[in-house]
N, C-alpha and C. Protein backbone atom coordinates (compact mmCIF):
# COMPACT_ATOMS: atom_id res chain seq x y z
N MET A 1 13.60 -52.21 -41.89
CA MET A 1 13.12 -52.05 -40.68
C MET A 1 11.72 -52.80 -40.52
N GLU A 2 11.64 -53.60 -39.66
CA GLU A 2 10.17 -54.31 -39.43
C GLU A 2 9.18 -53.41 -38.86
N LEU A 3 7.94 -53.86 -38.92
CA LEU A 3 6.86 -53.11 -38.53
C LEU A 3 6.84 -52.72 -36.95
N GLY A 4 7.22 -53.80 -36.14
CA GLY A 4 7.42 -53.46 -34.79
C GLY A 4 8.59 -52.52 -34.39
N ASP A 5 9.73 -52.63 -35.15
CA ASP A 5 10.77 -51.72 -34.99
C ASP A 5 10.36 -50.34 -35.36
N LEU A 6 9.69 -50.15 -36.41
CA LEU A 6 9.11 -48.89 -36.89
C LEU A 6 8.22 -48.21 -35.80
N ARG A 7 7.34 -49.04 -35.21
CA ARG A 7 6.35 -48.39 -34.20
C ARG A 7 7.22 -48.06 -33.13
N ARG A 8 8.18 -48.84 -32.62
CA ARG A 8 8.86 -48.48 -31.44
C ARG A 8 9.73 -47.25 -31.70
N HIS A 9 10.27 -46.95 -32.91
CA HIS A 9 10.92 -45.80 -33.26
C HIS A 9 9.97 -44.61 -33.16
N HIS A 10 8.83 -44.91 -33.80
CA HIS A 10 7.85 -43.72 -33.75
C HIS A 10 7.48 -43.27 -32.31
N LEU A 11 7.21 -44.35 -31.43
CA LEU A 11 6.98 -44.14 -30.02
C LEU A 11 7.95 -43.29 -29.36
N SER A 12 9.25 -43.63 -29.64
CA SER A 12 10.43 -42.97 -29.04
C SER A 12 10.53 -41.51 -29.64
N LEU A 13 10.07 -41.35 -30.87
CA LEU A 13 10.09 -39.98 -31.33
C LEU A 13 9.04 -39.12 -30.59
N VAL A 14 8.03 -39.58 -30.28
CA VAL A 14 6.91 -38.84 -29.55
C VAL A 14 7.49 -38.57 -28.01
N VAL A 15 7.85 -39.62 -27.39
CA VAL A 15 8.39 -39.44 -26.05
C VAL A 15 9.66 -38.41 -26.00
N GLU A 16 10.63 -38.46 -26.97
CA GLU A 16 11.75 -37.64 -26.95
C GLU A 16 11.18 -36.18 -27.09
N ALA A 17 10.25 -36.04 -28.09
CA ALA A 17 9.83 -34.70 -28.36
C ALA A 17 9.07 -34.08 -27.14
N LEU A 18 8.38 -34.84 -26.34
CA LEU A 18 7.72 -34.30 -25.17
C LEU A 18 8.68 -34.09 -24.07
N ALA A 19 9.93 -34.91 -24.08
CA ALA A 19 10.81 -34.58 -23.08
C ALA A 19 11.72 -33.35 -23.45
N ALA A 20 12.01 -33.17 -24.70
CA ALA A 20 12.78 -32.05 -25.11
C ALA A 20 11.98 -30.70 -25.12
N GLU A 21 10.85 -30.74 -25.56
CA GLU A 21 10.06 -29.54 -25.71
C GLU A 21 8.92 -29.27 -24.86
N GLY A 22 8.66 -30.08 -23.95
CA GLY A 22 7.54 -29.99 -22.89
C GLY A 22 6.24 -30.29 -23.58
N PRO A 23 5.13 -29.86 -22.88
CA PRO A 23 3.73 -30.13 -23.42
C PRO A 23 3.50 -29.71 -24.67
N ARG A 24 2.82 -30.59 -25.61
CA ARG A 24 2.43 -30.24 -26.98
C ARG A 24 1.24 -30.91 -27.27
N SER A 25 0.49 -30.35 -28.19
CA SER A 25 -0.70 -31.10 -28.66
C SER A 25 -0.34 -32.08 -29.61
N ARG A 26 -1.29 -32.91 -29.92
CA ARG A 26 -1.05 -33.98 -30.98
C ARG A 26 -0.66 -33.41 -32.34
N ALA A 27 -1.42 -32.37 -32.65
CA ALA A 27 -1.11 -31.72 -33.98
C ALA A 27 0.32 -31.09 -34.03
N GLU A 28 0.65 -30.42 -32.93
CA GLU A 28 2.06 -29.93 -32.81
C GLU A 28 2.98 -31.04 -32.87
N LEU A 29 2.87 -32.07 -32.16
CA LEU A 29 3.79 -33.19 -32.18
C LEU A 29 4.00 -33.88 -33.65
N ALA A 30 2.73 -33.98 -34.24
CA ALA A 30 2.82 -34.43 -35.71
C ALA A 30 3.62 -33.56 -36.72
N GLN A 31 3.37 -32.30 -36.51
CA GLN A 31 4.15 -31.33 -37.39
C GLN A 31 5.69 -31.43 -36.98
N GLY A 32 6.02 -31.54 -35.69
CA GLY A 32 7.42 -31.38 -35.34
C GLY A 32 8.13 -32.63 -35.65
N ILE A 33 7.47 -33.79 -35.60
CA ILE A 33 8.27 -35.09 -35.85
C ILE A 33 8.10 -35.58 -37.27
N GLY A 34 7.09 -35.04 -38.00
CA GLY A 34 6.89 -35.37 -39.42
C GLY A 34 6.09 -36.65 -39.57
N LEU A 35 5.08 -36.92 -38.65
CA LEU A 35 4.26 -38.06 -38.77
C LEU A 35 2.79 -37.38 -39.06
N THR A 36 1.90 -38.29 -39.42
CA THR A 36 0.65 -37.79 -39.58
C THR A 36 -0.16 -37.76 -38.23
N LYS A 37 -1.17 -36.71 -38.20
CA LYS A 37 -1.93 -36.70 -36.99
C LYS A 37 -2.51 -37.94 -36.48
N ALA A 38 -3.10 -38.78 -37.60
CA ALA A 38 -3.70 -40.06 -37.20
C ALA A 38 -2.70 -41.00 -36.49
N THR A 39 -1.42 -41.04 -37.11
CA THR A 39 -0.40 -41.74 -36.52
C THR A 39 -0.10 -41.32 -35.05
N VAL A 40 0.12 -40.13 -34.79
CA VAL A 40 0.47 -39.59 -33.53
C VAL A 40 -0.66 -39.94 -32.54
N SER A 41 -1.88 -39.78 -32.99
CA SER A 41 -3.10 -39.99 -32.09
C SER A 41 -2.93 -41.56 -31.73
N ALA A 42 -2.65 -42.30 -32.57
CA ALA A 42 -2.68 -43.94 -32.17
C ALA A 42 -1.32 -44.07 -31.27
N LEU A 43 -0.27 -43.47 -31.64
CA LEU A 43 0.93 -43.76 -30.67
C LEU A 43 0.53 -43.11 -29.35
N VAL A 44 0.00 -41.94 -29.14
CA VAL A 44 -0.22 -41.29 -27.95
C VAL A 44 -1.19 -42.17 -27.08
N ALA A 45 -2.20 -42.62 -27.84
CA ALA A 45 -3.23 -43.53 -27.08
C ALA A 45 -2.53 -44.65 -26.55
N ASP A 46 -1.62 -45.29 -27.05
CA ASP A 46 -0.68 -46.27 -26.57
C ASP A 46 0.08 -45.80 -25.28
N LEU A 47 0.72 -44.72 -25.46
CA LEU A 47 1.48 -44.20 -24.33
C LEU A 47 0.62 -43.70 -23.13
N VAL A 48 -0.67 -43.13 -23.38
CA VAL A 48 -1.52 -42.86 -22.40
C VAL A 48 -1.93 -44.20 -21.57
N ASP A 49 -2.34 -45.32 -22.37
CA ASP A 49 -2.62 -46.54 -21.85
C ASP A 49 -1.62 -47.02 -20.88
N ARG A 50 -0.38 -46.88 -21.36
CA ARG A 50 0.85 -47.43 -20.42
C ARG A 50 1.10 -46.55 -19.30
N GLY A 51 0.45 -45.39 -19.19
CA GLY A 51 0.67 -44.49 -18.17
C GLY A 51 1.95 -43.58 -18.25
N LEU A 52 2.56 -43.48 -19.47
CA LEU A 52 3.70 -42.73 -19.62
C LEU A 52 3.36 -41.33 -20.11
N VAL A 53 2.21 -40.99 -20.58
CA VAL A 53 1.79 -39.66 -21.09
C VAL A 53 0.42 -39.31 -20.55
N ALA A 54 0.18 -38.27 -20.20
CA ALA A 54 -1.07 -37.64 -19.62
C ALA A 54 -1.60 -36.51 -20.51
N GLU A 55 -2.95 -36.42 -20.61
CA GLU A 55 -3.49 -35.23 -21.24
C GLU A 55 -3.68 -34.08 -20.08
N ARG A 56 -3.46 -32.86 -20.57
CA ARG A 56 -3.60 -31.72 -19.77
C ARG A 56 -4.98 -31.05 -20.21
N GLU A 57 -5.43 -30.05 -19.45
CA GLU A 57 -6.60 -29.35 -19.84
C GLU A 57 -6.53 -28.67 -21.22
N ALA A 58 -7.66 -28.65 -21.86
CA ALA A 58 -7.72 -28.14 -23.16
C ALA A 58 -7.41 -26.54 -23.29
N ARG A 59 -6.60 -26.18 -24.15
CA ARG A 59 -6.14 -24.81 -24.36
C ARG A 59 -7.37 -23.98 -24.85
N ARG A 60 -7.56 -22.86 -24.33
CA ARG A 60 -8.62 -21.91 -24.89
C ARG A 60 -7.96 -20.68 -25.20
N GLU A 61 -7.55 -20.59 -26.46
CA GLU A 61 -6.66 -19.38 -26.94
C GLU A 61 -7.54 -18.43 -27.94
N GLY A 62 -8.93 -18.54 -27.71
CA GLY A 62 -9.67 -17.65 -28.76
C GLY A 62 -9.63 -18.11 -30.30
N ARG A 63 -9.12 -19.36 -30.46
CA ARG A 63 -9.15 -19.81 -31.89
C ARG A 63 -10.47 -20.45 -32.21
N MET A 64 -10.72 -20.63 -33.42
CA MET A 64 -11.86 -21.23 -33.83
C MET A 64 -11.54 -22.84 -33.78
N GLY A 65 -12.62 -23.59 -33.80
CA GLY A 65 -12.46 -25.09 -33.84
C GLY A 65 -12.26 -25.54 -32.42
N ARG A 66 -11.87 -26.91 -32.55
CA ARG A 66 -11.67 -27.66 -31.38
C ARG A 66 -10.49 -27.27 -30.66
N PRO A 67 -10.43 -26.99 -29.39
CA PRO A 67 -9.13 -26.59 -28.66
C PRO A 67 -8.22 -27.80 -28.59
N GLY A 68 -6.86 -27.47 -28.70
CA GLY A 68 -5.81 -28.50 -28.52
C GLY A 68 -5.60 -28.85 -27.13
N ILE A 69 -5.48 -30.12 -26.82
CA ILE A 69 -5.26 -30.69 -25.65
C ILE A 69 -3.81 -31.01 -25.45
N ASP A 70 -3.00 -30.49 -24.68
CA ASP A 70 -1.65 -30.73 -24.50
C ASP A 70 -1.33 -32.05 -23.86
N LEU A 71 -0.31 -32.55 -24.26
CA LEU A 71 0.06 -33.83 -23.68
C LEU A 71 1.45 -33.71 -23.01
N GLU A 72 1.63 -34.50 -21.87
CA GLU A 72 2.86 -34.24 -21.08
C GLU A 72 3.29 -35.61 -20.66
N LEU A 73 4.66 -35.75 -20.49
CA LEU A 73 5.10 -36.86 -20.00
C LEU A 73 4.96 -37.01 -18.51
N ARG A 74 4.59 -38.27 -18.06
CA ARG A 74 4.36 -38.57 -16.62
C ARG A 74 5.67 -38.99 -16.14
N SER A 75 6.54 -38.03 -15.79
CA SER A 75 7.95 -38.46 -15.53
C SER A 75 8.15 -39.33 -14.36
N ALA A 76 7.27 -39.52 -13.53
CA ALA A 76 7.41 -40.49 -12.43
C ALA A 76 7.25 -41.95 -12.95
N HIS A 77 6.73 -42.17 -14.11
CA HIS A 77 6.46 -43.41 -14.69
C HIS A 77 7.60 -43.77 -15.67
N ILE A 78 8.58 -42.82 -15.90
CA ILE A 78 9.66 -43.05 -16.80
C ILE A 78 10.92 -43.27 -16.12
N GLY A 79 11.51 -44.40 -16.25
CA GLY A 79 12.81 -44.71 -15.52
C GLY A 79 14.01 -44.35 -16.41
N ALA A 80 13.93 -44.65 -17.60
CA ALA A 80 15.17 -44.44 -18.52
C ALA A 80 14.69 -44.49 -19.94
N LEU A 81 15.34 -43.62 -20.74
CA LEU A 81 15.11 -43.85 -22.19
C LEU A 81 16.25 -44.33 -22.86
N GLY A 82 16.08 -45.41 -23.60
CA GLY A 82 17.14 -46.02 -24.32
C GLY A 82 17.34 -45.38 -25.67
N LEU A 83 18.65 -44.97 -25.97
CA LEU A 83 18.94 -44.24 -27.20
C LEU A 83 19.62 -45.22 -28.21
């Protein structure tokens, strides 16, 4: 698999996870699809730039540390998913 193909595959994993499971943080996505947080962050940045994914308000659940920011698909911007 070439590098471009691998990136497209990873992008599709992120989109499919958000479509199937609803809003998730980058950390939850990384854990769920088996990629590093850094990789997921880079992929999400690309999807946000393309207008396919949007960040929601930070969650405040009484946890220590930085609050998770959920990501959601911007369904109006997605016409079809190729499988």
